[in-house]
């Protein structure tokens, strides 16, 4: 048991290992919910890296109990 505890204590989980590396990010494309009237959070994101790459997003409605019969379908984008 002591050996297992010592192995788990061998790595400092709270140490900053990459302090010398500069943070960087590049936004190449932005995909938005097609309706400008309603903002819906994404509930599931999936992607395909085959010959024709795609991103598929399923959206959820915060007030789904109040929605009438019009259900929004998930959207797919070619990337």
PDB file of N, CA and C in Angstrom:
ATOM      1  N   UNK A   1       0.829  -1.195   0.000  1.00  0.00           N
ATOM      2  CA  UNK A   1       0.000   0.000   0.000  1.00  0.00           C
ATOM      3  C   UNK A   1       0.871   1.255   0.000  1.00  0.00           C
ATOM      4  N   UNK A   2       1.925   1.256   0.789  1.00  0.00           N
ATOM      5  CA  UNK A   2       2.797   2.430   0.880  1.00  0.00           C
ATOM      6  C   UNK A   2       3.427   2.748  -0.469  1.00  0.00           C
ATOM      7  N   UNK A   3       3.779   1.714  -1.243  1.00  0.00           N
ATOM      8  CA  UNK A   3       4.382   1.925  -2.559  1.00  0.00           C
ATOM      9  C   UNK A   3       3.409   2.670  -3.488  1.00  0.00           C
ATOM     10  N   UNK A   4       2.132   2.291  -3.473  1.00  0.00           N
ATOM     11  CA  UNK A   4       1.129   2.948  -4.313  1.00  0.00           C
ATOM     12  C   UNK A   4       0.942   4.404  -3.908  1.00  0.00           C
ATOM     13  N   UNK A   5       0.935   4.685  -2.618  1.00  0.00           N
ATOM     14  CA  UNK A   5       0.781   6.064  -2.142  1.00  0.00           C
ATOM     15  C   UNK A   5       1.974   6.902  -2.567  1.00  0.00           C
ATOM     16  N   UNK A   6       3.173   6.355  -2.471  1.00  0.00           N
ATOM     17  CA  UNK A   6       4.376   7.101  -2.848  1.00  0.00           C
ATOM     18  C   UNK A   6       4.414   7.363  -4.356  1.00  0.00           C
ATOM     19  N   UNK A   7       3.917   6.433  -5.170  1.00  0.00           N
ATOM     20  CA  UNK A   7       3.874   6.657  -6.613  1.00  0.00           C
ATOM     21  C   UNK A   7       2.903   7.780  -6.958  1.00  0.00           C
ATOM     22  N   UNK A   8       1.768   7.831  -6.301  1.00  0.00           N
ATOM     23  CA  UNK A   8       0.796   8.891  -6.555  1.00  0.00           C
ATOM     24  C   UNK A   8       1.313  10.242  -6.090  1.00  0.00           C
ATOM     25  N   UNK A   9       2.153  10.270  -5.080  1.00  0.00           N
ATOM     26  CA  UNK A   9       2.698  11.524  -4.575  1.00  0.00           C
ATOM     27  C   UNK A   9       3.922  11.965  -5.370  1.00  0.00           C
ATOM     28  N   UNK A  10       4.328  11.190  -6.359  1.00  0.00           N
ATOM     29  CA  UNK A  10       5.528  11.502  -7.133  1.00  0.00           C
ATOM     30  C   UNK A  10       5.352  12.663  -8.096  1.00  0.00           C
ATOM     31  N   UNK A  11       4.137  13.036  -8.443  1.00  0.00           N
ATOM     32  CA  UNK A  11       3.866  14.127  -9.378  1.00  0.00           C
ATOM     33  C   UNK A  11       3.144  15.234  -8.624  1.00  0.00           C
ATOM     34  N   UNK A  12       3.665  16.438  -8.735  1.00  0.00           N
ATOM     35  CA  UNK A  12       3.016  17.590  -8.104  1.00  0.00           C
ATOM     36  C   UNK A  12       1.904  18.072  -9.035  1.00  0.00           C
ATOM     37  N   UNK A  13       0.662  17.805  -8.688  1.00  0.00           N
ATOM     38  CA  UNK A  13      -0.468  18.169  -9.541  1.00  0.00           C
ATOM     39  C   UNK A  13      -0.671  19.667  -9.652  1.00  0.00           C
ATOM     40  N   UNK A  14      -0.174  20.427  -8.706  1.00  0.00           N
ATOM     41  CA  UNK A  14      -0.424  21.865  -8.674  1.00  0.00           C
ATOM     42  C   UNK A  14       0.738  22.675  -9.218  1.00  0.00           C
ATOM     43  N   UNK A  15       1.774  22.021  -9.697  1.00  0.00           N
ATOM     44  CA  UNK A  15       2.925  22.738 -10.249  1.00  0.00           C
ATOM     45  C   UNK A  15       2.596  23.228 -11.655  1.00  0.00           C
ATOM     46  N   UNK A  16       3.067  24.416 -11.989  1.00  0.00           N
ATOM     47  CA  UNK A  16       2.897  24.949 -13.343  1.00  0.00           C
ATOM     48  C   UNK A  16       4.077  24.480 -14.183  1.00  0.00           C
ATOM     49  N   UNK A  17       3.847  23.504 -15.032  1.00  0.00           N
ATOM     50  CA  UNK A  17       4.922  22.894 -15.797  1.00  0.00           C
ATOM     51  C   UNK A  17       5.295  23.692 -17.041  1.00  0.00           C
ATOM     52  N   UNK A  18       4.429  24.550 -17.534  1.00  0.00           N
ATOM     53  CA  UNK A  18       4.678  25.246 -18.789  1.00  0.00           C
ATOM     54  C   UNK A  18       4.637  26.758 -18.606  1.00  0.00           C
ATOM     55  N   UNK A  19       5.189  27.269 -17.533  1.00  0.00           N
ATOM     56  CA  UNK A  19       5.185  28.718 -17.294  1.00  0.00           C
ATOM     57  C   UNK A  19       5.984  29.470 -18.346  1.00  0.00           C
ATOM     58  N   UNK A  20       7.054  28.880 -18.847  1.00  0.00           N
ATOM     59  CA  UNK A  20       7.908  29.581 -19.809  1.00  0.00           C
ATOM     60  C   UNK A  20       7.286  29.645 -21.204  1.00  0.00           C
ATOM     61  N   UNK A  21       6.269  28.854 -21.477  1.00  0.00           N
ATOM     62  CA  UNK A  21       5.622  28.861 -22.791  1.00  0.00           C
ATOM     63  C   UNK A  21       4.566  29.964 -22.845  1.00  0.00           C
ATOM     64  N   UNK A  22       4.588  30.718 -23.921  1.00  0.00           N
ATOM     65  CA  UNK A  22       3.606  31.795 -24.099  1.00  0.00           C
ATOM     66  C   UNK A  22       2.257  31.204 -24.516  1.00  0.00           C
ATOM     67  N   UNK A  23       1.180  31.779 -23.992  1.00  0.00           N
ATOM     68  CA  UNK A  23      -0.162  31.366 -24.389  1.00  0.00           C
ATOM     69  C   UNK A  23      -0.453  31.892 -25.785  1.00  0.00           C
ATOM     70  N   UNK A  24      -1.082  31.080 -26.598  1.00  0.00           N
ATOM     71  CA  UNK A  24      -1.450  31.542 -27.934  1.00  0.00           C
ATOM     72  C   UNK A  24      -2.675  30.774 -28.409  1.00  0.00           C
ATOM     73  N   UNK A  25      -3.480  31.449 -29.197  1.00  0.00           N
ATOM     74  CA  UNK A  25      -4.659  30.830 -29.804  1.00  0.00           C
ATOM     75  C   UNK A  25      -4.991  31.589 -31.077  1.00  0.00           C
ATOM     76  N   UNK A  26      -5.406  30.869 -32.084  1.00  0.00           N
ATOM     77  CA  UNK A  26      -5.813  31.471 -33.348  1.00  0.00           C
ATOM     78  C   UNK A  26      -7.225  31.010 -33.670  1.00  0.00           C
ATOM     79  N   UNK A  27      -8.122  31.950 -33.930  1.00  0.00           N
ATOM     80  CA  UNK A  27      -9.480  31.620 -34.350  1.00  0.00           C
ATOM     81  C   UNK A  27      -9.495  31.666 -35.871  1.00  0.00           C
ATOM     82  N   UNK A  28      -9.728  30.523 -36.482  1.00  0.00           N
ATOM     83  CA  UNK A  28      -9.726  30.460 -37.939  1.00  0.00           C
ATOM     84  C   UNK A  28     -11.122  30.617 -38.515  1.00  0.00           C
ATOM     85  N   UNK A  29     -12.110  30.017 -37.877  1.00  0.00           N
ATOM     86  CA  UNK A  29     -13.491  30.113 -38.336  1.00  0.00           C
ATOM     87  C   UNK A  29     -14.406  30.121 -37.128  1.00  0.00           C
ATOM     88  N   UNK A  30     -15.562  30.730 -37.289  1.00  0.00           N
ATOM     89  CA  UNK A  30     -16.539  30.782 -36.207  1.00  0.00           C
ATOM     90  C   UNK A  30     -17.875  30.284 -36.754  1.00  0.00           C
ATOM     91  N   UNK A  31     -18.442  29.284 -36.114  1.00  0.00           N
ATOM     92  CA  UNK A  31     -19.725  28.722 -36.518  1.00  0.00           C
ATOM     93  C   UNK A  31     -20.757  29.120 -35.483  1.00  0.00           C
ATOM     94  N   UNK A  32     -21.830  29.757 -35.917  1.00  0.00           N
ATOM     95  CA  UNK A  32     -22.846  30.266 -34.998  1.00  0.00           C
ATOM     96  C   UNK A  32     -24.195  29.610 -35.261  1.00  0.00           C
ATOM     97  N   UNK A  33     -25.037  29.664 -34.247  1.00  0.00           N
ATOM     98  CA  UNK A  33     -26.420  29.204 -34.379  1.00  0.00           C
ATOM     99  C   UNK A  33     -27.088  30.058 -35.451  1.00  0.00           C
ATOM    100  N   UNK A  34     -27.739  29.461 -36.446  1.00  0.00           N
ATOM    101  CA  UNK A  34     -28.266  30.222 -37.583  1.00  0.00           C
ATOM    102  C   UNK A  34     -29.299  31.292 -37.243  1.00  0.00           C
ATOM    103  N   UNK A  35     -30.053  31.150 -36.177  1.00  0.00           N
ATOM    104  CA  UNK A  35     -31.076  32.135 -35.839  1.00  0.00           C
ATOM    105  C   UNK A  35     -30.455  33.281 -35.058  1.00  0.00           C
ATOM    106  N   UNK A  36     -30.666  34.503 -35.519  1.00  0.00           N
ATOM    107  CA  UNK A  36     -30.137  35.663 -34.793  1.00  0.00           C
ATOM    108  C   UNK A  36     -31.077  36.094 -33.670  1.00  0.00           C
ATOM    109  N   UNK A  37     -32.305  35.560 -33.648  1.00  0.00           N
ATOM    110  CA  UNK A  37     -33.283  35.954 -32.632  1.00  0.00           C
ATOM    111  C   UNK A  37     -33.082  35.210 -31.314  1.00  0.00           C
ATOM    112  N   UNK A  38     -32.663  33.953 -31.401  1.00  0.00           N
ATOM    113  CA  UNK A  38     -32.582  33.094 -30.221  1.00  0.00           C
ATOM    114  C   UNK A  38     -31.147  32.619 -30.044  1.00  0.00           C
ATOM    115  N   UNK A  39     -30.650  32.670 -28.817  1.00  0.00           N
ATOM    116  CA  UNK A  39     -29.333  32.123 -28.509  1.00  0.00           C
ATOM    117  C   UNK A  39     -29.536  30.799 -27.780  1.00  0.00           C
ATOM    118  N   UNK A  40     -29.054  29.720 -28.350  1.00  0.00           N
ATOM    119  CA  UNK A  40     -29.212  28.396 -27.748  1.00  0.00           C
ATOM    120  C   UNK A  40     -27.838  27.820 -27.429  1.00  0.00           C
ATOM    121  N   UNK A  41     -27.671  27.262 -26.242  1.00  0.00           N
ATOM    122  CA  UNK A  41     -26.389  26.636 -25.913  1.00  0.00           C
ATOM    123  C   UNK A  41     -26.232  25.300 -26.641  1.00  0.00           C
ATOM    124  N   UNK A  42     -25.005  24.977 -27.012  1.00  0.00           N
ATOM    125  CA  UNK A  42     -24.721  23.688 -27.636  1.00  0.00           C
ATOM    126  C   UNK A  42     -24.696  22.616 -26.562  1.00  0.00           C
ATOM    127  N   UNK A  43     -25.386  21.504 -26.813  1.00  0.00           N
ATOM    128  CA  UNK A  43     -25.401  20.420 -25.833  1.00  0.00           C
ATOM    129  C   UNK A  43     -24.479  19.275 -26.242  1.00  0.00           C
ATOM    130  N   UNK A  44     -24.147  19.167 -27.526  1.00  0.00           N
ATOM    131  CA  UNK A  44     -23.264  18.105 -27.996  1.00  0.00           C
ATOM    132  C   UNK A  44     -22.566  18.571 -29.259  1.00  0.00           C
ATOM    133  N   UNK A  45     -21.253  18.389 -29.326  1.00  0.00           N
ATOM    134  CA  UNK A  45     -20.469  18.734 -30.507  1.00  0.00           C
ATOM    135  C   UNK A  45     -19.735  17.476 -30.953  1.00  0.00           C
ATOM    136  N   UNK A  46     -19.810  17.189 -32.241  1.00  0.00           N
ATOM    137  CA  UNK A  46     -19.139  16.026 -32.797  1.00  0.00           C
ATOM    138  C   UNK A  46     -18.479  16.439 -34.101  1.00  0.00           C
ATOM    139  N   UNK A  47     -17.412  15.749 -34.480  1.00  0.00           N
ATOM    140  CA  UNK A  47     -16.749  16.098 -35.727  1.00  0.00           C
ATOM    141  C   UNK A  47     -16.259  14.843 -36.424  1.00  0.00           C
ATOM    142  N   UNK A  48     -16.053  14.984 -37.733  1.00  0.00           N
ATOM    143  CA  UNK A  48     -15.557  13.902 -38.567  1.00  0.00           C
ATOM    144  C   UNK A  48     -14.318  14.401 -39.289  1.00  0.00           C
ATOM    145  N   UNK A  49     -13.265  13.580 -39.341  1.00  0.00           N
ATOM    146  CA  UNK A  49     -12.033  13.998 -40.019  1.00  0.00           C
ATOM    147  C   UNK A  49     -11.791  13.178 -41.279  1.00  0.00           C
ATOM    148  N   UNK A  50     -12.847  12.670 -41.872  1.00  0.00           N
ATOM    149  CA  UNK A  50     -12.715  11.869 -43.077  1.00  0.00           C
ATOM    150  C   UNK A  50     -12.406  12.770 -44.263  1.00  0.00           C
ATOM    151  N   UNK A  51     -12.582  12.281 -45.485  1.00  0.00           N
ATOM    152  CA  UNK A  51     -12.229  13.051 -46.676  1.00  0.00           C
ATOM    153  C   UNK A  51     -13.033  14.343 -46.800  1.00  0.00           C
ATOM    154  N   UNK A  52     -14.264  14.363 -46.292  1.00  0.00           N
ATOM    155  CA  UNK A  52     -15.089  15.570 -46.300  1.00  0.00           C
ATOM    156  C   UNK A  52     -15.389  15.930 -44.843  1.00  0.00           C
ATOM    157  N   UNK A  53     -14.475  16.642 -44.153  1.00  0.00           N
ATOM    158  CA  UNK A  53     -14.660  16.890 -42.715  1.00  0.00           C
ATOM    159  C   UNK A  53     -15.891  17.734 -42.412  1.00  0.00           C
ATOM    160  N   UNK A  54     -16.567  17.390 -41.325  1.00  0.00           N
ATOM    161  CA  UNK A  54     -17.782  18.094 -40.905  1.00  0.00           C
ATOM    162  C   UNK A  54     -17.778  18.281 -39.397  1.00  0.00           C
ATOM    163  N   UNK A  55     -18.528  19.287 -38.948  1.00  0.00           N
ATOM    164  CA  UNK A  55     -18.818  19.493 -37.537  1.00  0.00           C
ATOM    165  C   UNK A  55     -20.331  19.397 -37.389  1.00  0.00           C
ATOM    166  N   UNK A  56     -20.793  18.626 -36.416  1.00  0.00           N
ATOM    167  CA  UNK A  56     -22.222  18.507 -36.122  1.00  0.00           C
ATOM    168  C   UNK A  56     -22.461  19.018 -34.710  1.00  0.00           C
ATOM    169  N   UNK A  57     -23.489  19.858 -34.551  1.00  0.00           N
ATOM    170  CA  UNK A  57     -23.795  20.444 -33.245  1.00  0.00           C
ATOM    171  C   UNK A  57     -25.277  20.252 -32.948  1.00  0.00           C
ATOM    172  N   UNK A  58     -25.567  19.735 -31.758  1.00  0.00           N
ATOM    173  CA  UNK A  58     -26.945  19.631 -31.276  1.00  0.00           C
ATOM    174  C   UNK A  58     -27.141  20.724 -30.239  1.00  0.00           C
ATOM    175  N   UNK A  59     -28.202  21.477 -30.383  1.00  0.00           N
ATOM    176  CA  UNK A  59     -28.476  22.597 -29.482  1.00  0.00           C
ATOM    177  C   UNK A  59     -29.573  22.230 -28.502  1.00  0.00           C
ATOM    178  N   UNK A  60     -29.550  22.861 -27.343  1.00  0.00           N
ATOM    179  CA  UNK A  60     -30.613  22.661 -26.357  1.00  0.00           C
ATOM    180  C   UNK A  60     -31.251  24.001 -26.052  1.00  0.00           C
ATOM    181  N   UNK A  61     -32.490  23.960 -25.641  1.00  0.00           N
ATOM    182  CA  UNK A  61     -33.218  25.173 -25.295  1.00  0.00           C
ATOM    183  C   UNK A  61     -33.340  25.252 -23.783  1.00  0.00           C
ATOM    184  N   UNK A  62     -33.027  26.400 -23.227  1.00  0.00           N
ATOM    185  CA  UNK A  62     -33.074  26.573 -21.774  1.00  0.00           C
ATOM    186  C   UNK A  62     -34.492  26.432 -21.237  1.00  0.00           C
ATOM    187  N   UNK A  63     -35.475  26.828 -22.019  1.00  0.00           N
ATOM    188  CA  UNK A  63     -36.871  26.776 -21.573  1.00  0.00           C
ATOM    189  C   UNK A  63     -37.643  25.815 -22.466  1.00  0.00           C
ATOM    190  N   UNK A  64     -37.168  24.568 -22.521  1.00  0.00           N
ATOM    191  CA  UNK A  64     -37.776  23.618 -23.446  1.00  0.00           C
ATOM    192  C   UNK A  64     -39.214  23.274 -23.088  1.00  0.00           C
ATOM    193  N   UNK A  65     -39.606  23.409 -21.827  1.00  0.00           N
ATOM    194  CA  UNK A  65     -40.987  23.111 -21.462  1.00  0.00           C
ATOM    195  C   UNK A  65     -41.953  24.130 -22.069  1.00  0.00           C
ATOM    196  N   UNK A  66     -41.482  25.350 -22.294  1.00  0.00           N
ATOM    197  CA  UNK A  66     -42.352  26.402 -22.809  1.00  0.00           C
ATOM    198  C   UNK A  66     -42.447  26.393 -24.331  1.00  0.00           C
ATOM    199  N   UNK A  67     -41.586  25.631 -24.990  1.00  0.00           N
ATOM    200  CA  UNK A  67     -41.585  25.628 -26.451  1.00  0.00           C
ATOM    201  C   UNK A  67     -42.820  24.912 -26.973  1.00  0.00           C
ATOM    202  N   UNK A  68     -43.339  25.454 -28.062  1.00  0.00           N
ATOM    203  CA  UNK A  68     -44.471  24.799 -28.711  1.00  0.00           C
ATOM    204  C   UNK A  68     -43.919  23.734 -29.649  1.00  0.00           C
ATOM    205  N   UNK A  69     -44.639  23.240 -30.568  1.00  0.00           N
ATOM    206  CA  UNK A  69     -44.241  22.108 -31.385  1.00  0.00           C
ATOM    207  C   UNK A  69     -43.015  22.263 -32.264  1.00  0.00           C
ATOM    208  N   UNK A  70     -42.441  23.442 -32.416  1.00  0.00           N
ATOM    209  CA  UNK A  70     -41.332  23.622 -33.353  1.00  0.00           C
ATOM    210  C   UNK A  70     -39.994  23.259 -32.699  1.00  0.00           C
ATOM    211  N   UNK A  71     -39.502  22.084 -33.015  1.00  0.00           N
ATOM    212  CA  UNK A  71     -38.241  21.598 -32.464  1.00  0.00           C
ATOM    213  C   UNK A  71     -37.136  21.902 -33.461  1.00  0.00           C
ATOM    214  N   UNK A  72     -36.039  22.442 -32.976  1.00  0.00           N
ATOM    215  CA  UNK A  72     -34.909  22.769 -33.836  1.00  0.00           C
ATOM    216  C   UNK A  72     -34.060  21.528 -34.057  1.00  0.00           C
ATOM    217  N   UNK A  73     -33.701  21.282 -35.297  1.00  0.00           N
ATOM    218  CA  UNK A  73     -32.854  20.141 -35.629  1.00  0.00           C
ATOM    219  C   UNK A  73     -31.393  20.497 -35.389  1.00  0.00           C
ATOM    220  N   UNK A  74     -30.552  19.498 -35.240  1.00  0.00           N
ATOM    221  CA  UNK A  74     -29.121  19.782 -35.132  1.00  0.00           C
ATOM    222  C   UNK A  74     -28.599  20.312 -36.463  1.00  0.00           C
ATOM    223  N   UNK A  75     -27.474  20.981 -36.426  1.00  0.00           N
ATOM    224  CA  UNK A  75     -26.889  21.567 -37.623  1.00  0.00           C
ATOM    225  C   UNK A  75     -25.563  20.905 -37.925  1.00  0.00           C
ATOM    226  N   UNK A  76     -25.217  20.845 -39.235  1.00  0.00           N
ATOM    227  CA  UNK A  76     -23.930  20.308 -39.671  1.00  0.00           C
ATOM    228  C   UNK A  76     -23.272  21.324 -40.582  1.00  0.00           C
ATOM    229  N   UNK A  77     -21.958  21.509 -40.414  1.00  0.00           N
ATOM    230  CA  UNK A  77     -21.193  22.421 -41.250  1.00  0.00           C
ATOM    231  C   UNK A  77     -20.036  21.673 -41.886  1.00  0.00           C
ATOM    232  N   UNK A  78     -19.762  21.983 -43.167  1.00  0.00           N
ATOM    233  CA  UNK A  78     -18.543  21.494 -43.818  1.00  0.00           C
ATOM    234  C   UNK A  78     -17.396  22.375 -43.359  1.00  0.00           C
ATOM    235  N   UNK A  79     -16.278  21.753 -43.049  1.00  0.00           N
ATOM    236  CA  UNK A  79     -15.119  22.551 -42.620  1.00  0.00           C
ATOM    237  C   UNK A  79     -13.957  22.359 -43.568  1.00  0.00           C
TER     238      UNK A  79
END
